[in-house]
Amino acid sequence: MKDLFKSHSREKKRSSDTIFNVIAGIIVIGMVAVGFSNHFYGLLASTKSSKTSVPKKVVAKPKPLPQQILLQVTPQSQLPQLPNGAEVTTLSMLFSAVDHPVSKVVLAQKIHVDPMREVIKSYKDQAGQTVWQILKWGDPSVGYVGNMYQSGKGYGVYHAPILTLINKVWPRHGVNLTGKPFSTILTAVGHRRPVEIWSTLNFQPTTSWISWQSPEGLIKATPDENTGLIVGYNKVAGYVYVDNPGSGTLQKVPMKPFEEAWKQLGSQAVTVTVPVPLPKKRAINAKTSGPKKHSGTKKG
């Protein structure tokens, strides 16, 4: 009986030890799980914190373009050297405006000339007047057509050869704006980049048109063909400011008919990558202040 009691006591003790070990194991596992959980969520919180701590990139908003502007560009006349050289004279004005001066005479020597000579015929009209008709000539999109130096013997040249000339004289600086909306032209001017455009002699729409055959095909042209350099605008009043190589003067032209004439000539326009420099501020004397220099932005 005594042995049976001892055996029962040993079994009870063994059972108690087992229960204790199980409970201890559960406690240890729970502690490990809590520790791992805290470590995991700590890493997660740290990751989120590191993400939110990265400052966002602030993109600077572009400055709004002025409603009116007039750049300081000195007009040039194509006369007397180049009676038919409006395009290269306008380009010379553009180069000078951005502090890269090249004379109109040098540009006239460097422009590609279409070798096709003029073929004309004459006939009498109903009033008995002699009429001269051009049958064949060159393509102004290939090179200069005619004689730039002799009055009445030259037609002109379009944007493609002029753009080639820009990059020949000043590599990688030519910008072709041909075919762009007129608003894009004004945007370039608003960013202080004058634009050479193709238009008519008075920058108004024309009804005078002629045509001839060239090796490249039929050419439709106007005897009024001209270029100009847009150096400013006034969107409120509806004007553009143009340096005219024919007269060597700055002209104020109504914007709407100006745009119509520009479109008649194929919406041709070129400029350069470099803007007109801002006017240098005059040093102010400590005792007396000098007059303010024109800012380049027209206020009226």
Protein backbone atom coordinates (compact mmCIF):
# COMPACT_ATOMS: atom_id res chain seq x y z
CA MET A 1 0.00 0.00 0.00
CA LYS A 2 2.89 2.29 0.80
CA ASP A 3 4.49 1.53 -2.55
CA LEU A 4 1.24 2.25 -4.34
CA PHE A 5 1.04 5.64 -2.64
CA LYS A 6 4.60 6.48 -3.67
CA SER A 7 3.90 5.49 -7.25
CA HIS A 8 0.81 7.67 -7.30
CA SER A 9 2.79 10.61 -5.91
CA ARG A 10 5.45 10.23 -8.59
CA GLU A 11 2.83 10.19 -11.34
CA LYS A 12 1.15 13.31 -9.91
CA LYS A 13 4.50 15.11 -9.72
CA ARG A 14 5.37 14.08 -13.28
CA SER A 15 2.01 15.39 -14.49
CA SER A 16 2.52 18.69 -12.66
CA ASP A 17 5.97 19.08 -14.21
CA THR A 18 4.53 18.45 -17.67
CA ILE A 19 1.79 21.06 -17.19
CA PHE A 20 4.38 23.52 -15.89
CA ASN A 21 6.65 22.93 -18.88
CA VAL A 22 3.77 23.42 -21.29
CA ILE A 23 2.74 26.67 -19.62
CA ALA A 24 6.35 27.87 -19.58
CA GLY A 25 6.70 27.02 -23.26
CA ILE A 26 3.54 28.93 -24.12
CA ILE A 27 4.82 31.94 -22.17
CA VAL A 28 8.20 31.86 -23.96
CA ILE A 29 6.57 31.54 -27.40
CA GLY A 30 4.25 34.44 -26.57
CA MET A 31 7.17 36.61 -25.52
CA VAL A 32 9.07 35.79 -28.71
CA ALA A 33 5.97 36.53 -30.82
CA VAL A 34 5.43 39.87 -29.09
CA GLY A 35 9.06 40.79 -29.53
CA PHE A 36 9.00 39.89 -33.22
CA SER A 37 5.75 41.78 -33.70
CA ASN A 38 7.15 44.88 -32.06
CA HIS A 39 10.32 44.62 -34.15
CA PHE A 40 8.33 44.16 -37.40
CA TYR A 41 5.99 47.05 -36.76
CA GLY A 42 8.94 49.15 -35.69
CA LEU A 43 10.61 48.50 -39.04
CA LEU A 44 7.35 49.24 -40.86
CA ALA A 45 6.90 52.49 -38.98
CA SER A 46 10.52 53.38 -39.67
CA THR A 47 10.02 52.72 -43.40
CA LYS A 48 6.88 54.86 -43.49
CA SER A 49 8.66 57.57 -41.55
CA SER A 50 11.59 57.52 -43.97
CA LYS A 51 9.21 57.76 -46.93
CA THR A 52 7.25 60.66 -45.56
CA SER A 53 10.42 62.47 -44.54
CA VAL A 54 11.61 62.78 -48.17
CA PRO A 55 10.83 66.36 -49.25
CA LYS A 56 8.68 66.72 -52.34
CA LYS A 57 10.20 68.37 -55.39
CA VAL A 58 8.83 71.84 -55.88
CA VAL A 59 8.36 72.63 -59.56
CA ALA A 60 8.74 76.33 -60.20
CA LYS A 61 5.87 77.77 -62.16
CA PRO A 62 6.96 79.60 -65.33
CA LYS A 63 6.56 83.34 -65.20
CA PRO A 64 3.54 84.56 -67.12
CA LEU A 65 4.37 86.25 -70.40
CA PRO A 66 3.91 90.01 -70.55
CA GLN A 67 0.81 91.33 -72.25
CA GLN A 68 3.01 93.83 -74.06
CA ILE A 69 6.69 94.01 -74.82
CA LEU A 70 9.07 95.90 -77.11
CA LEU A 71 12.63 94.61 -77.45
CA GLN A 72 15.50 96.98 -78.09
CA VAL A 73 16.57 95.97 -81.59
CA THR A 74 18.17 98.39 -84.03
CA PRO A 75 16.44 98.34 -87.44
CA GLN A 76 18.52 97.91 -90.61
CA SER A 77 17.80 98.80 -94.21
CA GLN A 78 18.59 96.47 -97.08
CA LEU A 79 19.42 99.50 -99.21
CA PRO A 80 21.53 100.43 -101.00
CA GLN A 81 23.65 97.26 -101.15
CA LEU A 82 20.86 94.67 -101.34
CA PRO A 83 17.73 96.00 -103.10
CA ASN A 84 16.34 92.43 -103.13
CA GLY A 85 17.90 91.26 -99.88
CA ALA A 86 15.13 91.56 -97.30
CA GLU A 87 15.64 88.05 -95.90
CA VAL A 88 19.35 88.30 -95.11
CA THR A 89 18.97 91.87 -93.83
CA THR A 90 16.27 90.72 -91.41
CA LEU A 91 18.52 87.86 -90.32
CA SER A 92 21.36 90.34 -89.72
CA MET A 93 19.05 92.31 -87.42
CA LEU A 94 18.23 89.11 -85.53
CA PHE A 95 21.90 88.20 -85.09
CA SER A 96 22.79 91.71 -83.91
CA ALA A 97 19.92 91.72 -81.41
CA VAL A 98 21.31 88.66 -79.59
CA ASP A 99 24.93 89.92 -79.57
CA HIS A 100 26.11 87.73 -82.44
CA PRO A 101 26.49 90.34 -85.19
CA VAL A 102 26.90 89.24 -88.82
CA SER A 103 26.56 91.83 -91.57
CA LYS A 104 23.88 91.55 -94.23
CA VAL A 105 26.55 91.60 -96.94
CA VAL A 106 28.34 88.59 -95.43
CA LEU A 107 25.04 86.73 -95.13
CA ALA A 108 24.21 87.55 -98.76
CA GLN A 109 27.49 85.96 -99.79
CA LYS A 110 26.83 82.82 -97.75
CA ILE A 111 23.19 82.14 -98.65
CA HIS A 112 22.62 79.33 -101.13
CA VAL A 113 21.43 80.56 -104.53
CA ASP A 114 19.15 78.49 -106.75
CA PRO A 115 21.04 78.23 -110.09
CA MET A 116 17.86 78.16 -112.19
CA ARG A 117 17.73 81.23 -114.42
CA GLU A 118 14.60 83.18 -115.20
CA VAL A 119 12.74 82.34 -118.41
CA ILE A 120 10.18 84.97 -119.41
CA LYS A 121 7.95 85.86 -122.32
CA SER A 122 6.16 89.09 -123.24
CA TYR A 123 2.81 89.82 -124.84
CA LYS A 124 0.43 92.75 -125.37
CA ASP A 125 -2.66 93.02 -123.21
CA GLN A 126 -6.02 94.43 -124.35
CA ALA A 127 -4.84 97.96 -123.63
CA GLY A 128 -1.77 97.46 -125.76
CA GLN A 129 0.58 97.38 -122.80
CA THR A 130 3.51 94.97 -122.74
CA VAL A 131 3.14 92.27 -120.11
CA TRP A 132 6.06 90.14 -118.95
CA GLN A 133 5.29 86.63 -117.75
CA ILE A 134 7.70 84.38 -115.89
CA LEU A 135 7.61 80.85 -117.31
CA LYS A 136 10.46 79.19 -115.43
CA TRP A 137 12.57 80.12 -112.45
CA GLY A 138 14.05 78.69 -109.27
CA ASP A 139 12.50 77.43 -106.02
CA PRO A 140 12.84 79.80 -103.01
CA SER A 141 12.67 76.77 -100.72
CA VAL A 142 15.90 75.53 -102.32
CA GLY A 143 17.87 78.78 -102.43
CA TYR A 144 17.71 82.44 -103.26
CA VAL A 145 15.82 82.98 -106.53
CA GLY A 146 17.18 85.69 -108.81
CA ASN A 147 19.72 88.46 -108.25
CA MET A 148 19.86 90.00 -104.81
CA TYR A 149 21.99 92.95 -105.92
CA GLN A 150 20.09 94.23 -108.96
CA SER A 151 16.74 95.93 -108.45
CA GLY A 152 13.84 94.17 -110.14
CA LYS A 153 15.87 91.03 -110.85
CA GLY A 154 15.35 89.02 -107.67
CA TYR A 155 12.47 87.33 -105.94
CA GLY A 156 13.69 86.06 -102.57
CA VAL A 157 14.33 83.00 -100.42
CA TYR A 158 12.17 81.09 -97.95
CA HIS A 159 12.73 79.79 -94.44
CA ALA A 160 14.55 76.50 -95.15
CA PRO A 161 17.68 78.03 -96.73
CA ILE A 162 17.64 80.80 -94.10
CA LEU A 163 17.54 78.21 -91.31
CA THR A 164 20.43 76.38 -92.96
CA LEU A 165 22.33 79.66 -93.10
CA ILE A 166 21.71 80.34 -89.40
CA ASN A 167 23.17 76.98 -88.42
CA LYS A 168 26.05 77.44 -90.85
CA VAL A 169 27.02 80.78 -89.32
CA TRP A 170 26.08 79.81 -85.76
CA PRO A 171 25.86 76.00 -85.43
CA ARG A 172 22.93 74.48 -83.49
CA HIS A 173 21.29 77.84 -82.78
CA GLY A 174 18.57 77.94 -85.44
CA VAL A 175 14.96 77.32 -84.43
CA ASN A 176 12.26 76.60 -87.02
CA LEU A 177 8.83 77.94 -86.05
CA THR A 178 7.28 77.48 -89.49
CA GLY A 179 3.77 76.08 -89.34
CA LYS A 180 3.37 76.83 -85.64
CA PRO A 181 0.37 78.81 -84.36
CA PHE A 182 0.83 82.58 -84.33
CA SER A 183 0.57 82.42 -80.53
CA THR A 184 3.82 80.41 -80.53
CA ILE A 185 5.52 83.24 -82.44
CA LEU A 186 4.37 85.75 -79.83
CA THR A 187 5.50 83.42 -77.04
CA ALA A 188 9.02 83.39 -78.49
CA VAL A 189 9.01 87.20 -78.62
CA GLY A 190 7.67 87.28 -75.04
CA HIS A 191 10.72 85.22 -74.07
CA ARG A 192 12.88 87.95 -75.65
CA ARG A 193 13.63 86.09 -78.88
CA PRO A 194 12.85 88.14 -82.01
CA VAL A 195 11.34 86.16 -84.88
CA GLU A 196 11.95 86.55 -88.61
CA ILE A 197 8.69 86.06 -90.49
CA TRP A 198 7.63 86.04 -94.16
CA SER A 199 4.91 88.45 -95.18
CA THR A 200 4.21 91.20 -97.72
CA LEU A 201 5.69 94.65 -98.36
CA ASN A 202 3.11 96.38 -96.16
CA PHE A 203 2.43 93.40 -93.85
CA GLN A 204 -1.17 93.25 -95.09
CA PRO A 205 -2.91 90.47 -97.04
CA THR A 206 -2.27 90.59 -100.79
CA THR A 207 -4.28 89.70 -103.90
CA SER A 208 -1.30 89.82 -106.26
CA TRP A 209 -0.11 86.32 -107.18
CA ILE A 210 1.98 84.81 -109.97
CA SER A 211 3.33 81.34 -110.70
CA TRP A 212 6.13 79.66 -112.62
CA GLN A 213 7.61 76.23 -113.13
CA SER A 214 10.76 75.18 -111.29
CA PRO A 215 12.70 71.90 -111.42
CA GLU A 216 10.95 71.00 -108.16
CA GLY A 217 7.44 71.82 -109.39
CA LEU A 218 4.99 74.71 -109.68
CA ILE A 219 5.81 77.77 -107.57
CA LYS A 220 3.05 80.14 -106.44
CA ALA A 221 4.48 83.46 -105.37
CA THR A 222 3.67 87.13 -104.86
CA PRO A 223 5.65 90.14 -106.12
CA ASP A 224 4.92 91.64 -102.67
CA GLU A 225 7.04 89.01 -100.85
CA ASN A 226 8.91 90.49 -97.90
CA THR A 227 10.27 89.58 -94.47
CA GLY A 228 10.29 91.38 -91.15
CA LEU A 229 11.58 90.93 -87.63
CA ILE A 230 8.92 90.81 -84.90
CA VAL A 231 10.43 92.63 -81.91
CA GLY A 232 7.34 93.25 -79.80
CA TYR A 233 3.61 93.13 -79.41
CA ASN A 234 0.69 94.60 -77.49
CA LYS A 235 -1.97 91.95 -76.97
CA VAL A 236 -4.35 94.37 -75.29
CA ALA A 237 -4.33 96.89 -78.16
CA GLY A 238 -3.87 94.22 -80.85
CA TYR A 239 -0.58 95.31 -82.43
CA VAL A 240 2.78 93.80 -83.34
CA TYR A 241 6.03 95.73 -83.68
CA VAL A 242 8.11 94.84 -86.73
CA ASP A 243 11.49 95.98 -87.99
CA ASN A 244 11.03 96.39 -91.75
CA PRO A 245 14.20 95.87 -93.83
CA GLY A 246 12.63 97.67 -96.79
CA SER A 247 12.38 100.97 -94.97
CA GLY A 248 14.87 100.32 -92.18
CA THR A 249 12.30 101.41 -89.59
CA LEU A 250 10.24 100.02 -86.72
CA GLN A 251 6.56 99.68 -87.64
CA LYS A 252 3.46 99.24 -85.50
CA VAL A 253 1.09 96.93 -87.40
CA PRO A 254 -2.43 95.72 -86.53
CA MET A 255 -2.10 92.11 -85.41
CA LYS A 256 -5.03 90.48 -87.23
CA PRO A 257 -4.18 91.50 -90.84
CA PHE A 258 -0.51 90.92 -90.04
CA GLU A 259 -1.28 87.32 -89.08
CA GLU A 260 -3.40 86.84 -92.23
CA ALA A 261 -0.57 88.02 -94.49
CA TRP A 262 1.89 85.79 -92.64
CA LYS A 263 -0.37 82.79 -93.25
CA GLN A 264 -0.62 83.68 -96.96
CA LEU A 265 3.15 83.25 -97.20
CA GLY A 266 3.02 79.80 -95.61
CA SER A 267 3.27 80.68 -91.89
CA GLN A 268 7.05 80.81 -92.20
CA ALA A 269 9.12 81.85 -89.19
CA VAL A 270 12.60 81.27 -87.75
CA THR A 271 14.48 82.44 -84.68
CA VAL A 272 17.50 81.47 -82.56
CA THR A 273 17.93 79.79 -79.20
CA VAL A 274 19.47 82.85 -77.53
CA PRO A 275 17.32 85.73 -76.20
CA VAL A 276 17.98 89.44 -76.43
CA PRO A 277 20.04 90.37 -73.35
CA LEU A 278 18.31 92.34 -70.64
CA PRO A 279 19.32 96.02 -70.60
CA LYS A 280 22.21 96.68 -68.26
CA LYS A 281 21.24 98.64 -65.18
CA ARG A 282 22.98 101.97 -64.89
CA ALA A 283 25.04 102.42 -61.73
CA ILE A 284 23.35 104.81 -59.29
CA ASN A 285 25.50 107.53 -57.75
CA ALA A 286 25.34 107.74 -53.98
CA LYS A 287 24.37 111.42 -54.10
CA THR A 288 22.26 111.65 -57.22
CA SER A 289 20.30 108.99 -59.03
CA GLY A 290 20.51 108.86 -62.82
CA PRO A 291 17.55 108.37 -65.15
CA LYS A 292 16.12 104.89 -65.45
CA LYS A 293 17.00 102.97 -68.61
CA HIS A 294 14.24 101.54 -70.80
CA SER A 295 13.37 98.07 -69.48
CA GLY A 296 12.43 96.59 -72.82
CA THR A 297 8.76 96.20 -71.81
CA LYS A 298 6.42 98.62 -73.48
CA LYS A 299 3.77 100.13 -71.27
CA GLY A 300 1.71 101.92 -73.82
